[in-house]
Protein backbone atom coordinates (compact mmCIF):
# COMPACT_ATOMS: atom_id res chain seq x y z
CA MET A 1 70.27 122.03 70.23
CA ASP A 2 70.90 118.81 69.92
CA GLY A 3 74.00 117.03 71.76
CA ALA A 4 76.61 117.58 68.44
CA THR A 5 75.86 120.75 68.12
CA GLY A 6 76.39 122.02 71.19
CA MET A 7 79.32 120.05 71.16
CA LEU A 8 80.34 121.90 68.39
CA ILE A 9 79.42 125.34 69.88
CA LYS A 10 81.81 124.43 72.79
CA LEU A 11 84.68 122.98 70.93
CA GLY A 12 84.51 126.82 68.92
CA VAL A 13 83.90 128.39 72.24
CA ARG A 14 87.84 126.83 73.69
CA LEU A 15 89.09 127.70 70.38
CA ALA A 16 88.65 130.86 70.77
CA VAL A 17 89.57 131.20 74.15
CA PHE A 18 92.82 128.87 73.78
CA GLY A 19 93.64 130.60 71.19
CA LEU A 20 93.94 133.84 72.90
CA VAL A 21 96.02 132.21 75.91
CA PHE A 22 98.01 130.39 73.40
CA PHE A 23 98.59 133.65 71.91
CA ILE A 24 99.13 136.04 74.66
CA ALA A 25 101.74 133.59 76.04
CA ALA A 26 103.57 133.39 73.40
CA ARG A 27 103.91 136.92 73.40
CA ARG A 28 104.61 137.29 77.12
CA ASN A 29 106.84 134.25 77.53
CA PRO A 30 109.96 133.58 75.63
CA LYS A 31 110.24 130.17 76.68
CA ILE A 32 106.72 129.26 74.80
CA VAL A 33 107.24 129.68 71.28
CA ILE A 34 104.95 129.53 68.50
CA PRO A 35 107.50 130.50 65.06
CA VAL A 36 104.36 131.41 62.82
CA LYS A 37 101.73 133.61 63.56
CA TRP A 38 99.63 130.92 61.91
CA ALA A 39 100.19 127.73 64.10
CA THR A 40 98.40 129.57 66.97
CA PRO A 41 94.92 128.54 66.08
CA LEU A 42 96.35 124.88 65.00
CA VAL A 43 98.60 124.09 68.28
CA ALA A 44 94.65 126.16 69.95
CA LEU A 45 92.45 123.59 68.00
CA VAL A 46 95.13 120.55 68.58
CA PHE A 47 94.77 121.45 72.55
CA ALA A 48 90.74 122.64 72.54
CA ILE A 49 89.97 118.94 70.85
CA LEU A 50 91.76 117.24 73.78
CA ASN A 51 90.48 119.18 76.37
CA THR A 52 87.06 118.76 75.56
CA THR A 53 87.01 115.28 74.47
CA LEU A 54 90.10 113.44 76.60
CA TYR A 55 89.51 115.96 79.83
CA TRP A 56 86.25 114.20 80.79
CA GLY A 57 87.89 110.74 80.29
CA LEU A 58 91.22 111.40 82.18
CA ARG A 59 89.49 113.40 84.98
CA PRO A 60 88.12 109.96 86.44
CA VAL A 61 90.75 107.80 86.16
CA LEU A 62 92.79 109.93 87.58
CA ASP A 63 90.89 110.78 91.07
CA LEU A 64 90.20 107.30 91.44
CA ALA A 65 93.94 106.49 91.01
CA THR A 66 94.20 108.66 93.72
CA LEU A 67 91.26 108.13 95.74
CA GLY A 68 90.17 111.86 95.12
CA ALA A 69 93.10 113.09 97.20
CA LEU A 70 94.25 115.41 94.79
CA GLY A 71 90.68 116.35 93.59
CA PHE A 72 91.28 119.93 94.05
CA ALA A 73 94.12 120.19 92.07
CA MET A 74 92.94 117.52 89.82
CA PRO A 75 92.13 120.01 86.37
CA LEU A 76 96.52 121.20 86.83
CA ILE A 77 97.11 117.61 86.55
CA VAL A 78 95.09 116.89 83.37
CA ASN A 79 96.04 120.26 82.03
CA ILE A 80 99.46 120.37 82.12
CA ILE A 81 99.43 116.21 80.81
CA LEU A 82 97.25 117.79 77.71
CA LEU A 83 99.67 120.23 77.26
CA VAL A 84 102.69 117.81 77.83
CA VAL A 85 100.88 115.30 74.99
CA THR A 86 100.22 118.69 72.93
CA VAL A 87 103.75 119.73 72.50
CA LYS A 88 104.81 116.35 71.76
CA PHE A 89 102.47 116.26 69.53
CA PHE A 90 103.66 119.83 67.25
CA ALA A 91 107.06 117.97 68.31
CA TRP A 92 106.32 115.22 65.68
CA HIS A 93 105.12 117.74 63.25
CA LYS A 94 107.68 120.08 62.04
CA LEU A 95 107.22 123.25 59.39
CA PRO A 96 108.98 122.93 55.89
CA ARG A 97 112.89 124.56 55.49
CA PHE A 98 110.64 127.08 53.43
CA ILE A 99 108.72 128.11 56.31
CA SER A 100 111.04 127.65 59.02
CA LYS A 101 113.37 130.66 58.41
CA VAL A 102 112.40 132.03 62.24
CA PRO A 103 114.21 131.49 65.22
CA VAL A 104 112.94 129.16 67.70
CA ASN A 105 114.57 131.00 70.40
CA LYS A 106 113.37 134.37 70.77
CA GLY A 107 117.05 136.60 72.03
CA ASP A 108 119.50 134.22 73.14
CA PRO A 109 122.54 134.64 71.63
CA LYS A 110 124.88 132.04 72.85
CA LYS A 111 122.40 129.80 71.26
CA LYS A 112 122.48 129.11 67.20
CA SER A 113 119.35 131.32 66.14
CA GLU A 114 120.25 132.12 63.00
CA GLN A 115 118.07 131.46 59.53
CA SER A 116 119.61 128.17 59.03
CA GLY A 117 116.80 126.50 57.57
CA GLU A 118 116.18 123.56 59.48
CA ALA A 119 113.16 121.97 60.01
CA ARG A 120 111.50 122.98 63.15
CA PRO A 121 108.33 122.54 65.70
CA LEU A 122 105.29 124.65 65.73
CA PHE A 123 104.90 124.48 69.11
CA VAL A 124 108.20 124.45 71.58
CA ILE A 125 107.97 125.01 75.62
CA GLU A 126 111.13 125.00 77.01
CA GLY A 127 111.57 124.35 80.85
CA LEU A 128 109.64 122.64 83.35
CA PHE A 129 108.31 125.82 84.97
CA ALA A 130 107.04 127.72 81.50
CA THR A 131 105.17 123.94 80.96
CA LEU A 132 103.30 124.86 84.81
CA TRP A 133 103.07 128.50 83.73
CA MET A 134 101.37 127.85 80.48
CA ALA A 135 98.97 124.57 82.53
CA LEU A 136 98.52 127.39 85.11
CA ILE A 137 96.85 129.59 82.73
CA LEU A 138 94.99 127.69 80.60
CA THR A 139 93.87 126.15 83.84
CA ALA A 140 92.13 128.90 85.09
CA ALA A 141 90.54 129.14 81.28
CA HIS A 142 89.24 126.23 81.35
CA GLY A 143 87.69 127.34 84.97
CA VAL A 144 86.22 129.67 83.66
CA LEU A 145 84.91 128.12 80.15
CA TRP A 146 83.76 125.30 83.06
CA VAL A 147 81.06 127.43 84.62
CA ALA A 148 80.06 129.34 81.27
CA LEU A 149 79.82 126.51 79.19
CA ASP A 150 78.48 123.60 81.92
CA TYR A 151 77.61 124.82 85.43
CA ILE A 152 75.75 127.85 84.57
CA PRO A 153 73.81 126.33 81.26
CA SER A 154 72.81 123.35 83.77
CA LYS A 155 71.27 125.29 86.83
């Protein structure tokens, strides 16, 4: 298997795993909102591409910047950065009016959750703790993927 094929296989596996993680997280935590079902694979694809390509570039830079002092926490830090980038990416790309009739906040009666028809992002994480929770889950999934796709095949 050549390099390009191997990279596509790793990206496909990451897409499937991260898609499952985003799907479960959006169903379990009301502060993680993906308003339409078809957006989950799209969110997972953006995060998987960032994780596959930028992770290997960001980690050495951050390790060097901290002189390796945060090496044990570096995957979590990098995944927090990539998660924030993913949320910001989808903040720029909003649903059209005819699709966005789904309430963004899932159950907070104080906030306006009526079907207003305004443009809404495809992916929202509301709050610091929800972001950290999501980053922890993604880091655990990333660790499993690293062992399965990178560590074991090289041994």
